[in-house]
Amino acid sequence: MSVKHEVAAVQAESEASRETPLPEHVHGRRRGRSVVQSVRLPEAEFADIERLAAELDVPVSALIRGWVLAGLADERSTSLRSAIERLAGDADRLRRLAANSDVA
């Protein structure tokens, strides 16, 4: 299957399920319709994102969506809780960097 046909198939699948509500077990997320936004990224950086997503065993789109929503939440909130959550996320990223580094 050509890349053009693969993209068309993914778009069709996405459109077919766009009105499907989120499962009941999904907490803390907005219920409602999702919006698709295309974003251009440099090829090298996107390759890094794909590699990181594979290491974390998550879909690329979920990783990017998480980053965007975390950034938006940071912009909306300046509470102590959000600062602690941001620090915890930063600590997780530092642990991953340290684990992948040759420096002990």
PDB file of N, CA and C in Angstrom:
ATOM      1  N   MET A   1       0.859  -1.174   0.000  1.00  0.00           N
ATOM      2  CA  MET A   1       0.000   0.000   0.000  1.00  0.00           C
ATOM      3  C   MET A   1       0.904   1.236   0.000  1.00  0.00           C
ATOM      4  N   SER A   2       0.607   2.202  -0.864  1.00  0.00           N
ATOM      5  CA  SER A   2       1.419   3.408  -0.947  1.00  0.00           C
ATOM      6  C   SER A   2       1.172   4.301   0.270  1.00  0.00           C
ATOM      7  N   VAL A   3       2.103   5.193   0.511  1.00  0.00           N
ATOM      8  CA  VAL A   3       1.974   6.124   1.639  1.00  0.00           C
ATOM      9  C   VAL A   3       0.696   6.952   1.487  1.00  0.00           C
ATOM     10  N   LYS A   4       0.394   7.363   0.282  1.00  0.00           N
ATOM     11  CA  LYS A   4      -0.808   8.165   0.033  1.00  0.00           C
ATOM     12  C   LYS A   4      -2.061   7.392   0.436  1.00  0.00           C
ATOM     13  N   HIS A   5      -2.109   6.095   0.101  1.00  0.00           N
ATOM     14  CA  HIS A   5      -3.263   5.268   0.462  1.00  0.00           C
ATOM     15  C   HIS A   5      -3.315   5.017   1.964  1.00  0.00           C
ATOM     16  N   GLU A   6      -2.139   4.852   2.598  1.00  0.00           N
ATOM     17  CA  GLU A   6      -2.098   4.658   4.051  1.00  0.00           C
ATOM     18  C   GLU A   6      -2.641   5.887   4.769  1.00  0.00           C
ATOM     19  N   VAL A   7      -2.217   7.067   4.321  1.00  0.00           N
ATOM     20  CA  VAL A   7      -2.698   8.319   4.920  1.00  0.00           C
ATOM     21  C   VAL A   7      -4.204   8.442   4.735  1.00  0.00           C
ATOM     22  N   ALA A   8      -4.692   8.138   3.556  1.00  0.00           N
ATOM     23  CA  ALA A   8      -6.128   8.214   3.290  1.00  0.00           C
ATOM     24  C   ALA A   8      -6.898   7.246   4.180  1.00  0.00           C
ATOM     25  N   ALA A   9      -6.356   6.048   4.399  1.00  0.00           N
ATOM     26  CA  ALA A   9      -7.022   5.056   5.258  1.00  0.00           C
ATOM     27  C   ALA A   9      -7.077   5.522   6.701  1.00  0.00           C
ATOM     28  N   VAL A  10      -5.975   6.099   7.185  1.00  0.00           N
ATOM     29  CA  VAL A  10      -5.946   6.608   8.559  1.00  0.00           C
ATOM     30  C   VAL A  10      -6.928   7.772   8.714  1.00  0.00           C
ATOM     31  N   GLN A  11      -6.972   8.656   7.728  1.00  0.00           N
ATOM     32  CA  GLN A  11      -7.907   9.779   7.781  1.00  0.00           C
ATOM     33  C   GLN A  11      -9.348   9.284   7.789  1.00  0.00           C
ATOM     34  N   ALA A  12      -9.652   8.298   6.973  1.00  0.00           N
ATOM     35  CA  ALA A  12     -11.009   7.754   6.918  1.00  0.00           C
ATOM     36  C   ALA A  12     -11.392   7.121   8.251  1.00  0.00           C
ATOM     37  N   GLU A  13     -10.466   6.369   8.842  1.00  0.00           N
ATOM     38  CA  GLU A  13     -10.728   5.748  10.142  1.00  0.00           C
ATOM     39  C   GLU A  13     -10.964   6.808  11.220  1.00  0.00           C
ATOM     40  N   SER A  14     -10.154   7.849  11.192  1.00  0.00           N
ATOM     41  CA  SER A  14     -10.298   8.927  12.164  1.00  0.00           C
ATOM     42  C   SER A  14     -11.643   9.625  12.013  1.00  0.00           C
ATOM     43  N   GLU A  15     -12.019   9.925  10.797  1.00  0.00           N
ATOM     44  CA  GLU A  15     -13.300  10.589  10.551  1.00  0.00           C
ATOM     45  C   GLU A  15     -14.481   9.713  10.944  1.00  0.00           C
ATOM     46  N   ALA A  16     -14.367   8.415  10.713  1.00  0.00           N
ATOM     47  CA  ALA A  16     -15.462   7.493  11.029  1.00  0.00           C
ATOM     48  C   ALA A  16     -15.717   7.407  12.529  1.00  0.00           C
ATOM     49  N   SER A  17     -14.671   7.626  13.332  1.00  0.00           N
ATOM     50  CA  SER A  17     -14.830   7.484  14.784  1.00  0.00           C
ATOM     51  C   SER A  17     -14.813   8.811  15.529  1.00  0.00           C
ATOM     52  N   ARG A  18     -14.869   9.927  14.830  1.00  0.00           N
ATOM     53  CA  ARG A  18     -14.709  11.222  15.491  1.00  0.00           C
ATOM     54  C   ARG A  18     -15.838  11.569  16.458  1.00  0.00           C
ATOM     55  N   GLU A  19     -17.021  11.036  16.269  1.00  0.00           N
ATOM     56  CA  GLU A  19     -18.138  11.317  17.169  1.00  0.00           C
ATOM     57  C   GLU A  19     -18.281  10.266  18.271  1.00  0.00           C
ATOM     58  N   THR A  20     -17.440   9.245  18.240  1.00  0.00           N
ATOM     59  CA  THR A  20     -17.489   8.194  19.252  1.00  0.00           C
ATOM     60  C   THR A  20     -17.023   8.767  20.586  1.00  0.00           C
ATOM     61  N   PRO A  21     -17.835   8.659  21.639  1.00  0.00           N
ATOM     62  CA  PRO A  21     -17.412   9.217  22.928  1.00  0.00           C
ATOM     63  C   PRO A  21     -16.259   8.429  23.524  1.00  0.00           C
ATOM     64  N   LEU A  22     -15.521   9.091  24.408  1.00  0.00           N
ATOM     65  CA  LEU A  22     -14.431   8.406  25.097  1.00  0.00           C
ATOM     66  C   LEU A  22     -15.004   7.341  26.018  1.00  0.00           C
ATOM     67  N   PRO A  23     -14.271   6.276  26.256  1.00  0.00           N
ATOM     68  CA  PRO A  23     -14.742   5.246  27.183  1.00  0.00           C
ATOM     69  C   PRO A  23     -14.946   5.819  28.579  1.00  0.00           C
ATOM     70  N   GLU A  24     -15.826   5.221  29.346  1.00  0.00           N
ATOM     71  CA  GLU A  24     -16.146   5.705  30.690  1.00  0.00           C
ATOM     72  C   GLU A  24     -14.953   5.664  31.636  1.00  0.00           C
ATOM     73  N   HIS A  25     -14.005   4.736  31.403  1.00  0.00           N
ATOM     74  CA  HIS A  25     -12.865   4.622  32.312  1.00  0.00           C
ATOM     75  C   HIS A  25     -11.844   5.741  32.132  1.00  0.00           C
ATOM     76  N   VAL A  26     -12.006   6.578  31.115  1.00  0.00           N
ATOM     77  CA  VAL A  26     -11.079   7.681  30.897  1.00  0.00           C
ATOM     78  C   VAL A  26     -11.491   8.829  31.805  1.00  0.00           C
ATOM     79  N   HIS A  27     -10.625   9.143  32.770  1.00  0.00           N
ATOM     80  CA  HIS A  27     -10.923  10.195  33.734  1.00  0.00           C
ATOM     81  C   HIS A  27     -10.027  11.391  33.481  1.00  0.00           C
ATOM     82  N   GLY A  28     -10.503  12.564  33.882  1.00  0.00           N
ATOM     83  CA  GLY A  28      -9.685  13.760  33.808  1.00  0.00           C
ATOM     84  C   GLY A  28      -9.502  14.311  32.410  1.00  0.00           C
ATOM     85  N   ARG A  29     -10.247  13.813  31.481  1.00  0.00           N
ATOM     86  CA  ARG A  29     -10.148  14.329  30.121  1.00  0.00           C
ATOM     87  C   ARG A  29     -11.479  14.940  29.736  1.00  0.00           C
ATOM     88  N   ARG A  30     -11.399  15.893  28.875  1.00  0.00           N
ATOM     89  CA  ARG A  30     -12.621  16.531  28.400  1.00  0.00           C
ATOM     90  C   ARG A  30     -13.389  15.565  27.515  1.00  0.00           C
ATOM     91  N   ARG A  31     -14.643  15.561  27.683  1.00  0.00           N
ATOM     92  CA  ARG A  31     -15.484  14.769  26.783  1.00  0.00           C
ATOM     93  C   ARG A  31     -15.937  15.718  25.682  1.00  0.00           C
ATOM     94  N   GLY A  32     -15.966  15.215  24.511  1.00  0.00           N
ATOM     95  CA  GLY A  32     -16.380  16.051  23.398  1.00  0.00           C
ATOM     96  C   GLY A  32     -15.543  15.731  22.181  1.00  0.00           C
ATOM     97  N   ARG A  33     -15.767  16.498  21.193  1.00  0.00           N
ATOM     98  CA  ARG A  33     -15.150  16.265  19.906  1.00  0.00           C
ATOM     99  C   ARG A  33     -13.683  16.697  19.903  1.00  0.00           C
ATOM    100  N   SER A  34     -12.846  15.909  19.290  1.00  0.00           N
ATOM    101  CA  SER A  34     -11.439  16.248  19.120  1.00  0.00           C
ATOM    102  C   SER A  34     -11.260  17.005  17.819  1.00  0.00           C
ATOM    103  N   VAL A  35     -10.219  17.795  17.776  1.00  0.00           N
ATOM    104  CA  VAL A  35      -9.874  18.558  16.581  1.00  0.00           C
ATOM    105  C   VAL A  35      -8.501  18.097  16.123  1.00  0.00           C
ATOM    106  N   VAL A  36      -8.355  17.890  14.837  1.00  0.00           N
ATOM    107  CA  VAL A  36      -7.076  17.482  14.269  1.00  0.00           C
ATOM    108  C   VAL A  36      -6.370  18.726  13.752  1.00  0.00           C
ATOM    109  N   GLN A  37      -5.095  18.878  14.132  1.00  0.00           N
ATOM    110  CA  GLN A  37      -4.292  20.010  13.673  1.00  0.00           C
ATOM    111  C   GLN A  37      -2.980  19.479  13.123  1.00  0.00           C
ATOM    112  N   SER A  38      -2.674  19.837  11.918  1.00  0.00           N
ATOM    113  CA  SER A  38      -1.421  19.409  11.304  1.00  0.00           C
ATOM    114  C   SER A  38      -0.301  20.334  11.769  1.00  0.00           C
ATOM    115  N   VAL A  39       0.846  19.744  12.090  1.00  0.00           N
ATOM    116  CA  VAL A  39       2.001  20.511  12.546  1.00  0.00           C
ATOM    117  C   VAL A  39       3.225  20.051  11.764  1.00  0.00           C
ATOM    118  N   ARG A  40       3.979  20.992  11.260  1.00  0.00           N
ATOM    119  CA  ARG A  40       5.209  20.656  10.533  1.00  0.00           C
ATOM    120  C   ARG A  40       6.375  20.673  11.511  1.00  0.00           C
ATOM    121  N   LEU A  41       7.162  19.603  11.464  1.00  0.00           N
ATOM    122  CA  LEU A  41       8.354  19.495  12.296  1.00  0.00           C
ATOM    123  C   LEU A  41       9.540  19.143  11.415  1.00  0.00           C
ATOM    124  N   PRO A  42      10.729  19.608  11.780  1.00  0.00           N
ATOM    125  CA  PRO A  42      11.907  19.185  11.029  1.00  0.00           C
ATOM    126  C   PRO A  42      12.060  17.661  11.097  1.00  0.00           C
ATOM    127  N   GLU A  43      12.515  17.078  10.010  1.00  0.00           N
ATOM    128  CA  GLU A  43      12.606  15.623   9.898  1.00  0.00           C
ATOM    129  C   GLU A  43      13.443  15.002  11.016  1.00  0.00           C
ATOM    130  N   ALA A  44      14.569  15.614  11.331  1.00  0.00           N
ATOM    131  CA  ALA A  44      15.458  15.055  12.361  1.00  0.00           C
ATOM    132  C   ALA A  44      14.775  15.051  13.731  1.00  0.00           C
ATOM    133  N   GLU A  45      14.071  16.123  14.067  1.00  0.00           N
ATOM    134  CA  GLU A  45      13.395  16.181  15.347  1.00  0.00           C
ATOM    135  C   GLU A  45      12.241  15.190  15.408  1.00  0.00           C
ATOM    136  N   PHE A  46      11.543  15.023  14.286  1.00  0.00           N
ATOM    137  CA  PHE A  46      10.453  14.053  14.281  1.00  0.00           C
ATOM    138  C   PHE A  46      10.999  12.639  14.456  1.00  0.00           C
ATOM    139  N   ALA A  47      12.143  12.361  13.873  1.00  0.00           N
ATOM    140  CA  ALA A  47      12.775  11.050  14.059  1.00  0.00           C
ATOM    141  C   ALA A  47      13.106  10.827  15.536  1.00  0.00           C
ATOM    142  N   ASP A  48      13.571  11.898  16.206  1.00  0.00           N
ATOM    143  CA  ASP A  48      13.839  11.795  17.648  1.00  0.00           C
ATOM    144  C   ASP A  48      12.555  11.511  18.428  1.00  0.00           C
ATOM    145  N   ILE A  49      11.466  12.152  18.024  1.00  0.00           N
ATOM    146  CA  ILE A  49      10.179  11.922  18.689  1.00  0.00           C
ATOM    147  C   ILE A  49       9.732  10.482  18.479  1.00  0.00           C
ATOM    148  N   GLU A  50       9.875   9.977  17.252  1.00  0.00           N
ATOM    149  CA  GLU A  50       9.514   8.582  16.976  1.00  0.00           C
ATOM    150  C   GLU A  50      10.343   7.622  17.826  1.00  0.00           C
ATOM    151  N   ARG A  51      11.633   7.897  17.948  1.00  0.00           N
ATOM    152  CA  ARG A  51      12.517   7.048  18.749  1.00  0.00           C
ATOM    153  C   ARG A  51      12.087   7.068  20.217  1.00  0.00           C
ATOM    154  N   LEU A  52      11.808   8.260  20.746  1.00  0.00           N
ATOM    155  CA  LEU A  52      11.390   8.372  22.131  1.00  0.00           C
ATOM    156  C   LEU A  52      10.055   7.662  22.366  1.00  0.00           C
ATOM    157  N   ALA A  53       9.123   7.828  21.449  1.00  0.00           N
ATOM    158  CA  ALA A  53       7.823   7.162  21.578  1.00  0.00           C
ATOM    159  C   ALA A  53       8.003   5.640  21.586  1.00  0.00           C
ATOM    160  N   ALA A  54       8.889   5.141  20.738  1.00  0.00           N
ATOM    161  CA  ALA A  54       9.149   3.695  20.711  1.00  0.00           C
ATOM    162  C   ALA A  54       9.760   3.233  22.032  1.00  0.00           C
ATOM    163  N   GLU A  55      10.693   4.022  22.582  1.00  0.00           N
ATOM    164  CA  GLU A  55      11.309   3.679  23.872  1.00  0.00           C
ATOM    165  C   GLU A  55      10.276   3.641  24.989  1.00  0.00           C
ATOM    166  N   LEU A  56       9.325   4.578  24.927  1.00  0.00           N
ATOM    167  CA  LEU A  56       8.293   4.662  25.962  1.00  0.00           C
ATOM    168  C   LEU A  56       7.111   3.744  25.682  1.00  0.00           C
ATOM    169  N   ASP A  57       7.114   3.122  24.501  1.00  0.00           N
ATOM    170  CA  ASP A  57       6.039   2.231  24.079  1.00  0.00           C
ATOM    171  C   ASP A  57       4.682   2.934  24.047  1.00  0.00           C
ATOM    172  N   VAL A  58       4.673   4.135  23.449  1.00  0.00           N
ATOM    173  CA  VAL A  58       3.436   4.891  23.269  1.00  0.00           C
ATOM    174  C   VAL A  58       3.370   5.355  21.821  1.00  0.00           C
ATOM    175  N   PRO A  59       2.173   5.578  21.301  1.00  0.00           N
ATOM    176  CA  PRO A  59       2.067   6.117  19.944  1.00  0.00           C
ATOM    177  C   PRO A  59       2.656   7.533  19.879  1.00  0.00           C
ATOM    178  N   VAL A  60       3.240   7.875  18.747  1.00  0.00           N
ATOM    179  CA  VAL A  60       3.814   9.206  18.548  1.00  0.00           C
ATOM    180  C   VAL A  60       2.770  10.278  18.831  1.00  0.00           C
ATOM    181  N   SER A  61       1.555  10.086  18.321  1.00  0.00           N
ATOM    182  CA  SER A  61       0.517  11.102  18.509  1.00  0.00           C
ATOM    183  C   SER A  61       0.172  11.290  19.986  1.00  0.00           C
ATOM    184  N   ALA A  62       0.176  10.200  20.753  1.00  0.00           N
ATOM    185  CA  ALA A  62      -0.119  10.310  22.184  1.00  0.00           C
ATOM    186  C   ALA A  62       0.983  11.068  22.913  1.00  0.00           C
ATOM    187  N   LEU A  63       2.225  10.832  22.529  1.00  0.00           N
ATOM    188  CA  LEU A  63       3.341  11.533  23.148  1.00  0.00           C
ATOM    189  C   LEU A  63       3.260  13.029  22.868  1.00  0.00           C
ATOM    190  N   ILE A  64       3.050  13.385  21.612  1.00  0.00           N
ATOM    191  CA  ILE A  64       2.955  14.794  21.234  1.00  0.00           C
ATOM    192  C   ILE A  64       1.738  15.440  21.896  1.00  0.00           C
ATOM    193  N   ARG A  65       0.601  14.743  21.871  1.00  0.00           N
ATOM    194  CA  ARG A  65      -0.617  15.276  22.497  1.00  0.00           C
ATOM    195  C   ARG A  65      -0.379  15.523  23.985  1.00  0.00           C
ATOM    196  N   GLY A  66       0.300  14.596  24.646  1.00  0.00           N
ATOM    197  CA  GLY A  66       0.609  14.773  26.062  1.00  0.00           C
ATOM    198  C   GLY A  66       1.456  16.000  26.307  1.00  0.00           C
ATOM    199  N   TRP A  67       2.445  16.224  25.460  1.00  0.00           N
ATOM    200  CA  TRP A  67       3.293  17.404  25.609  1.00  0.00           C
ATOM    201  C   TRP A  67       2.494  18.687  25.423  1.00  0.00           C
ATOM    202  N   VAL A  68       1.653  18.707  24.395  1.00  0.00           N
ATOM    203  CA  VAL A  68       0.853  19.906  24.119  1.00  0.00           C
ATOM    204  C   VAL A  68      -0.115  20.180  25.272  1.00  0.00           C
ATOM    205  N   LEU A  69      -0.816  19.145  25.728  1.00  0.00           N
ATOM    206  CA  LEU A  69      -1.776  19.338  26.815  1.00  0.00           C
ATOM    207  C   LEU A  69      -1.080  19.712  28.118  1.00  0.00           C
ATOM    208  N   ALA A  70       0.105  19.164  28.367  1.00  0.00           N
ATOM    209  CA  ALA A  70       0.861  19.533  29.571  1.00  0.00           C
ATOM    210  C   ALA A  70       1.284  20.998  29.497  1.00  0.00           C
ATOM    211  N   GLY A  71       1.728  21.419  28.327  1.00  0.00           N
ATOM    212  CA  GLY A  71       2.105  22.831  28.157  1.00  0.00           C
ATOM    213  C   GLY A  71       0.923  23.757  28.338  1.00  0.00           C
ATOM    214  N   LEU A  72      -0.223  23.373  27.812  1.00  0.00           N
ATOM    215  CA  LEU A  72      -1.430  24.179  27.971  1.00  0.00           C
ATOM    216  C   LEU A  72      -1.849  24.242  29.436  1.00  0.00           C
ATOM    217  N   ALA A  73      -1.783  23.116  30.116  1.00  0.00           N
ATOM    218  CA  ALA A  73      -2.127  23.083  31.537  1.00  0.00           C
ATOM    219  C   ALA A  73      -1.191  23.983  32.335  1.00  0.00           C
ATOM    220  N   ASP A  74       0.092  23.977  31.991  1.00  0.00           N
ATOM    221  CA  ASP A  74       1.052  24.859  32.664  1.00  0.00           C
ATOM    222  C   ASP A  74       0.687  26.325  32.456  1.00  0.00           C
ATOM    223  N   GLU A  75       0.265  26.652  31.243  1.00  0.00           N
ATOM    224  CA  GLU A  75      -0.120  28.030  30.949  1.00  0.00           C
ATOM    225  C   GLU A  75      -1.373  28.450  31.708  1.00  0.00           C
ATOM    226  N   ARG A  76      -2.272  27.519  31.913  1.00  0.00           N
ATOM    227  CA  ARG A  76      -3.546  27.821  32.570  1.00  0.00           C
ATOM    228  C   ARG A  76      -3.439  27.852  34.083  1.00  0.00           C
ATOM    229  N   SER A  77      -2.476  27.142  34.617  1.00  0.00           N
ATOM    230  CA  SER A  77      -2.451  26.942  36.056  1.00  0.00           C
ATOM    231  C   SER A  77      -1.104  27.330  36.633  1.00  0.00           C
ATOM    232  N   THR A  78      -1.151  28.018  37.748  1.00  0.00           N
ATOM    233  CA  THR A  78       0.076  28.366  38.451  1.00  0.00           C
ATOM    234  C   THR A  78      -0.003  27.865  39.889  1.00  0.00           C
ATOM    235  N   SER A  79      -0.772  26.816  40.107  1.00  0.00           N
ATOM    236  CA  SER A  79      -0.958  26.305  41.458  1.00  0.00           C
ATOM    237  C   SER A  79       0.260  25.512  41.920  1.00  0.00           C
ATOM    238  N   LEU A  80       0.345  25.312  43.221  1.00  0.00           N
ATOM    239  CA  LEU A  80       1.419  24.504  43.788  1.00  0.00           C
ATOM    240  C   LEU A  80       1.370  23.089  43.224  1.00  0.00           C
ATOM    241  N   ARG A  81       0.163  22.549  43.096  1.00  0.00           N
ATOM    242  CA  ARG A  81       0.010  21.187  42.562  1.00  0.00           C
ATOM    243  C   ARG A  81       0.580  21.072  41.152  1.00  0.00           C
ATOM    244  N   SER A  82       0.270  22.054  40.303  1.00  0.00           N
ATOM    245  CA  SER A  82       0.782  21.984  38.927  1.00  0.00           C
ATOM    246  C   SER A  82       2.294  22.123  38.898  1.00  0.00           C
ATOM    247  N   ALA A  83       2.859  22.931  39.789  1.00  0.00           N
ATOM    248  CA  ALA A  83       4.311  23.068  39.847  1.00  0.00           C
ATOM    249  C   ALA A  83       4.961  21.750  40.272  1.00  0.00           C
ATOM    250  N   ILE A  84       4.355  21.072  41.246  1.00  0.00           N
ATOM    251  CA  ILE A  84       4.878  19.776  41.699  1.00  0.00           C
ATOM    252  C   ILE A  84       4.793  18.750  40.578  1.00  0.00           C
ATOM    253  N   GLU A  85       3.666  18.722  39.851  1.00  0.00           N
ATOM    254  CA  GLU A  85       3.517  17.782  38.745  1.00  0.00           C
ATOM    255  C   GLU A  85       4.541  18.062  37.645  1.00  0.00           C
ATOM    256  N   ARG A  86       4.807  19.336  37.389  1.00  0.00           N
ATOM    257  CA  ARG A  86       5.803  19.702  36.380  1.00  0.00           C
ATOM    258  C   ARG A  86       7.189  19.217  36.819  1.00  0.00           C
ATOM    259  N   LEU A  87       7.518  19.436  38.095  1.00  0.00           N
ATOM    260  CA  LEU A  87       8.805  18.966  38.607  1.00  0.00           C
ATOM    261  C   LEU A  87       8.923  17.448  38.528  1.00  0.00           C
ATOM    262  N   ALA A  88       7.845  16.739  38.828  1.00  0.00           N
ATOM    263  CA  ALA A  88       7.857  15.278  38.740  1.00  0.00           C
ATOM    264  C   ALA A  88       8.102  14.834  37.296  1.00  0.00           C
ATOM    265  N   GLY A  89       7.451  15.496  36.351  1.00  0.00           N
ATOM    266  CA  GLY A  89       7.670  15.187  34.935  1.00  0.00           C
ATOM    267  C   GLY A  89       9.096  15.479  34.513  1.00  0.00           C
ATOM    268  N   ASP A  90       9.635  16.609  34.992  1.00  0.00           N
ATOM    269  CA  ASP A  90      11.024  16.951  34.683  1.00  0.00           C
ATOM    270  C   ASP A  90      11.980  15.912  35.270  1.00  0.00           C
ATOM    271  N   ALA A  91      11.684  15.455  36.491  1.00  0.00           N
ATOM    272  CA  ALA A  91      12.528  14.428  37.117  1.00  0.00           C
ATOM    273  C   ALA A  91      12.493  13.139  36.300  1.00  0.00           C
ATOM    274  N   ASP A  92      11.329  12.753  35.802  1.00  0.00           N
ATOM    275  CA  ASP A  92      11.225  11.558  34.956  1.00  0.00           C
ATOM    276  C   ASP A  92      12.072  11.716  33.689  1.00  0.00           C
ATOM    277  N   ARG A  93      12.001  12.892  33.072  1.00  0.00           N
ATOM    278  CA  ARG A  93      12.799  13.142  31.866  1.00  0.00           C
ATOM    279  C   ARG A  93      14.294  13.085  32.189  1.00  0.00           C
ATOM    280  N   LEU A  94      14.692  13.653  33.331  1.00  0.00           N
ATOM    281  CA  LEU A  94      16.101  13.606  33.728  1.00  0.00           C
ATOM    282  C   LEU A  94      16.565  12.168  33.962  1.00  0.00           C
ATOM    283  N   ARG A  95      15.713  11.350  34.569  1.00  0.00           N
ATOM    284  CA  ARG A  95      16.067   9.947  34.777  1.00  0.00           C
ATOM    285  C   ARG A  95      16.272   9.233  33.441  1.00  0.00           C
ATOM    286  N   ARG A  96      15.381   9.502  32.468  1.00  0.00           N
ATOM    287  CA  ARG A  96      15.531   8.882  31.144  1.00  0.00           C
ATOM    288  C   ARG A  96      16.830   9.330  30.484  1.00  0.00           C
ATOM    289  N   LEU A  97      17.119  10.636  30.598  1.00  0.00           N
ATOM    290  CA  LEU A  97      18.361  11.154  30.014  1.00  0.00           C
ATOM    291  C   LEU A  97      19.576  10.501  30.666  1.00  0.00           C
ATOM    292  N   ALA A  98      19.554  10.395  31.979  1.00  0.00           N
ATOM    293  CA  ALA A  98      20.671   9.798  32.700  1.00  0.00           C
ATOM    294  C   ALA A  98      20.836   8.333  32.317  1.00  0.00           C
ATOM    295  N   ALA A  99      19.731   7.625  32.167  1.00  0.00           N
ATOM    296  CA  ALA A  99      19.776   6.201  31.813  1.00  0.00           C
ATOM    297  C   ALA A  99      20.355   6.008  30.415  1.00  0.00           C
ATOM    298  N   ASN A 100      20.150   6.981  29.539  1.00  0.00           N
ATOM    299  CA  ASN A 100      20.636   6.879  28.152  1.00  0.00           C
ATOM    300  C   ASN A 100      22.000   7.524  27.960  1.00  0.00           C
ATOM    301  N   SER A 101      22.554   8.072  29.035  1.00  0.00           N
ATOM    302  CA  SER A 101      23.827   8.784  28.948  1.00  0.00           C
ATOM    303  C   SER A 101      24.966   7.884  29.377  1.00  0.00           C
ATOM    304  N   ASP A 102      26.139   8.168  28.853  1.00  0.00           N
ATOM    305  CA  ASP A 102      27.345   7.458  29.274  1.00  0.00           C
ATOM    306  C   ASP A 102      27.894   8.017  30.561  1.00  0.00           C
ATOM    307  N   VAL A 103      27.423   9.188  30.974  1.00  0.00           N
ATOM    308  CA  VAL A 103      27.909   9.840  32.189  1.00  0.00           C
ATOM    309  C   VAL A 103      27.180   9.247  33.380  1.00  0.00           C
ATOM    310  N   ALA A 104      27.903   8.833  34.389  1.00  0.00           N
ATOM    311  CA  ALA A 104      27.290   8.233  35.568  1.00  0.00           C
ATOM    312  C   ALA A 104      26.879   9.291  36.559  1.00  0.00           C
TER     313      ALA A 104
END
